Amino acid sequence: MPLNKCPQRVKIRNNSLTDNLYLDRQGRWVAWRHAAWFHSDRPAARFAQQHGVEVFGLFSCESYGHP
């Protein structure tokens, strides 16, 4: 899949300079390979809010390979 086909797919990344962790579908912090993909920023932000995560970053698939 070309990179330009997935610019909106994102993962939720914790806001840490030392921990490289992402949210999975159960709301747990896990490694990249186990993290949940979201189709855009809005669903990702809504999911983070539902799981009590107030500070986070969104990491797009074009930033780091493909799902």
N, C-alpha and C. Protein backbone atom coordinates (compact mmCIF):
# COMPACT_ATOMS: atom_id res chain seq x y z
N MET A 1 0.84 -1.18 0.00
CA MET A 1 0.00 0.00 0.00
C MET A 1 0.89 1.25 0.00
N PRO A 2 0.71 2.15 -0.92
CA PRO A 2 1.51 3.38 -0.94
C PRO A 2 1.22 4.25 0.28
N LEU A 3 2.19 5.00 0.69
CA LEU A 3 2.03 5.84 1.87
C LEU A 3 0.90 6.84 1.73
N ASN A 4 0.67 7.35 0.53
CA ASN A 4 -0.37 8.35 0.37
C ASN A 4 -1.78 7.78 0.52
N LYS A 5 -1.92 6.47 0.64
CA LYS A 5 -3.23 5.84 0.81
C LYS A 5 -3.67 5.82 2.28
N CYS A 6 -2.78 6.13 3.23
CA CYS A 6 -3.15 5.97 4.62
C CYS A 6 -2.82 7.18 5.49
N PRO A 7 -2.93 8.40 5.02
CA PRO A 7 -2.50 9.54 5.83
C PRO A 7 -3.35 9.79 7.07
N GLN A 8 -4.58 9.29 7.11
CA GLN A 8 -5.44 9.57 8.25
C GLN A 8 -5.39 8.49 9.32
N ARG A 9 -4.84 7.33 9.04
CA ARG A 9 -4.81 6.27 10.05
C ARG A 9 -3.81 6.64 11.13
N VAL A 10 -4.26 6.56 12.39
CA VAL A 10 -3.42 6.99 13.50
C VAL A 10 -3.47 5.99 14.64
N LYS A 11 -2.44 6.06 15.48
CA LYS A 11 -2.40 5.35 16.75
C LYS A 11 -2.26 6.39 17.84
N ILE A 12 -2.73 6.06 19.04
CA ILE A 12 -2.64 6.98 20.17
C ILE A 12 -1.36 6.66 20.93
N ARG A 13 -0.49 7.64 21.04
CA ARG A 13 0.80 7.46 21.71
C ARG A 13 0.78 8.19 23.04
N ASN A 14 1.42 7.54 24.06
CA ASN A 14 1.48 8.23 25.34
C ASN A 14 2.38 9.45 25.23
N ASN A 15 2.21 10.37 26.12
CA ASN A 15 2.94 11.64 26.06
C ASN A 15 4.18 11.54 26.95
N SER A 16 5.14 10.74 26.51
CA SER A 16 6.35 10.52 27.29
C SER A 16 7.57 10.57 26.39
N LEU A 17 8.64 11.13 26.90
CA LEU A 17 9.89 11.15 26.14
C LEU A 17 10.66 9.84 26.31
N THR A 18 10.34 9.08 27.34
CA THR A 18 11.09 7.85 27.60
C THR A 18 10.33 6.58 27.27
N ASP A 19 9.01 6.59 27.38
CA ASP A 19 8.20 5.39 27.10
C ASP A 19 7.62 5.47 25.69
N ASN A 20 7.83 4.44 24.92
CA ASN A 20 7.32 4.39 23.56
C ASN A 20 6.13 3.43 23.53
N LEU A 21 4.99 3.89 24.07
CA LEU A 21 3.83 3.03 24.21
C LEU A 21 2.61 3.65 23.54
N TYR A 22 1.67 2.77 23.14
CA TYR A 22 0.47 3.16 22.40
C TYR A 22 -0.73 2.46 23.01
N LEU A 23 -1.93 3.01 22.83
CA LEU A 23 -3.13 2.39 23.38
C LEU A 23 -3.63 1.25 22.50
N ASP A 24 -4.05 0.16 23.16
CA ASP A 24 -4.71 -0.92 22.43
C ASP A 24 -6.22 -0.77 22.57
N ARG A 25 -7.00 -1.67 22.01
CA ARG A 25 -8.46 -1.56 22.02
C ARG A 25 -9.07 -1.73 23.41
N GLN A 26 -8.29 -2.20 24.37
CA GLN A 26 -8.78 -2.33 25.74
C GLN A 26 -8.38 -1.13 26.59
N GLY A 27 -7.69 -0.15 25.99
CA GLY A 27 -7.29 1.04 26.73
C GLY A 27 -6.03 0.85 27.55
N ARG A 28 -5.22 -0.16 27.19
CA ARG A 28 -3.96 -0.42 27.89
C ARG A 28 -2.81 0.10 27.05
N TRP A 29 -1.72 0.50 27.71
CA TRP A 29 -0.52 0.95 27.01
C TRP A 29 0.29 -0.27 26.60
N VAL A 30 0.57 -0.38 25.31
CA VAL A 30 1.26 -1.55 24.76
C VAL A 30 2.30 -1.11 23.71
N ALA A 31 3.06 -2.07 23.22
CA ALA A 31 4.03 -1.81 22.16
C ALA A 31 3.29 -1.49 20.84
N TRP A 32 4.02 -0.86 19.93
CA TRP A 32 3.49 -0.44 18.63
C TRP A 32 2.71 -1.55 17.92
N ARG A 33 3.27 -2.71 17.83
CA ARG A 33 2.65 -3.81 17.06
C ARG A 33 1.30 -4.25 17.60
N HIS A 34 1.01 -3.98 18.87
CA HIS A 34 -0.25 -4.41 19.48
C HIS A 34 -1.26 -3.27 19.62
N ALA A 35 -0.88 -2.09 19.22
CA ALA A 35 -1.74 -0.92 19.39
C ALA A 35 -2.89 -0.90 18.39
N ALA A 36 -3.95 -0.21 18.76
CA ALA A 36 -5.13 -0.07 17.91
C ALA A 36 -4.91 1.03 16.88
N TRP A 37 -5.42 0.81 15.67
CA TRP A 37 -5.42 1.82 14.61
C TRP A 37 -6.78 2.50 14.61
N PHE A 38 -6.78 3.79 14.33
CA PHE A 38 -8.03 4.55 14.19
C PHE A 38 -8.01 5.20 12.81
N HIS A 39 -9.19 5.38 12.24
CA HIS A 39 -9.29 5.91 10.88
C HIS A 39 -9.05 7.40 10.77
N SER A 40 -9.15 8.11 11.89
CA SER A 40 -8.88 9.55 11.88
C SER A 40 -8.65 10.05 13.30
N ASP A 41 -8.32 11.31 13.40
CA ASP A 41 -8.03 11.92 14.71
C ASP A 41 -9.23 11.91 15.65
N ARG A 42 -10.41 12.18 15.14
CA ARG A 42 -11.60 12.29 16.01
C ARG A 42 -11.91 10.99 16.75
N PRO A 43 -12.03 9.85 16.06
CA PRO A 43 -12.30 8.62 16.80
C PRO A 43 -11.18 8.29 17.80
N ALA A 44 -9.96 8.58 17.44
CA ALA A 44 -8.83 8.32 18.35
C ALA A 44 -8.95 9.19 19.60
N ALA A 45 -9.23 10.46 19.42
CA ALA A 45 -9.36 11.36 20.56
C ALA A 45 -10.54 10.96 21.45
N ARG A 46 -11.64 10.57 20.82
CA ARG A 46 -12.82 10.13 21.57
C ARG A 46 -12.50 8.87 22.38
N PHE A 47 -11.79 7.93 21.77
CA PHE A 47 -11.41 6.69 22.47
C PHE A 47 -10.50 7.00 23.66
N ALA A 48 -9.52 7.87 23.46
CA ALA A 48 -8.62 8.24 24.54
C ALA A 48 -9.40 8.87 25.69
N GLN A 49 -10.32 9.75 25.37
CA GLN A 49 -11.12 10.41 26.40
C GLN A 49 -11.96 9.39 27.17
N GLN A 50 -12.56 8.43 26.47
CA GLN A 50 -13.38 7.41 27.11
C GLN A 50 -12.56 6.54 28.06
N HIS A 51 -11.26 6.44 27.81
CA HIS A 51 -10.39 5.62 28.66
C HIS A 51 -9.58 6.45 29.65
N GLY A 52 -9.97 7.71 29.83
CA GLY A 52 -9.36 8.55 30.84
C GLY A 52 -7.97 9.06 30.51
N VAL A 53 -7.62 9.04 29.23
CA VAL A 53 -6.30 9.52 28.81
C VAL A 53 -6.47 10.97 28.37
N GLU A 54 -5.91 11.88 29.15
CA GLU A 54 -6.09 13.30 28.87
C GLU A 54 -4.98 13.88 28.01
N VAL A 55 -3.76 13.38 28.18
CA VAL A 55 -2.62 13.91 27.44
C VAL A 55 -2.05 12.78 26.58
N PHE A 56 -2.03 12.99 25.27
CA PHE A 56 -1.56 11.95 24.36
C PHE A 56 -1.15 12.59 23.04
N GLY A 57 -0.52 11.82 22.20
CA GLY A 57 -0.18 12.25 20.86
C GLY A 57 -0.79 11.29 19.86
N LEU A 58 -0.96 11.73 18.63
CA LEU A 58 -1.45 10.86 17.56
C LEU A 58 -0.31 10.61 16.59
N PHE A 59 -0.09 9.37 16.26
CA PHE A 59 1.01 8.95 15.42
C PHE A 59 0.43 8.38 14.14
N SER A 60 0.69 9.00 13.02
CA SER A 60 0.09 8.53 11.76
C SER A 60 0.88 7.39 11.15
N CYS A 61 0.22 6.60 10.31
CA CYS A 61 0.88 5.46 9.69
C CYS A 61 1.97 5.90 8.72
N GLU A 62 1.85 7.09 8.16
CA GLU A 62 2.91 7.53 7.25
C GLU A 62 4.16 7.93 8.02
N SER A 63 4.03 8.08 9.34
CA SER A 63 5.20 8.41 10.15
C SER A 63 6.04 7.17 10.45
N TYR A 64 5.39 6.00 10.42
CA TYR A 64 6.10 4.78 10.83
C TYR A 64 5.51 3.55 10.15
N GLY A 65 5.75 3.37 8.92
CA GLY A 65 5.34 2.15 8.22
C GLY A 65 3.85 1.99 8.05
N HIS A 66 3.43 0.75 7.90
CA HIS A 66 2.03 0.42 7.63
C HIS A 66 1.48 -0.45 8.72
N PRO A 67 0.14 -0.45 8.89
CA PRO A 67 -0.50 -1.29 9.91
C PRO A 67 -0.30 -2.76 9.60
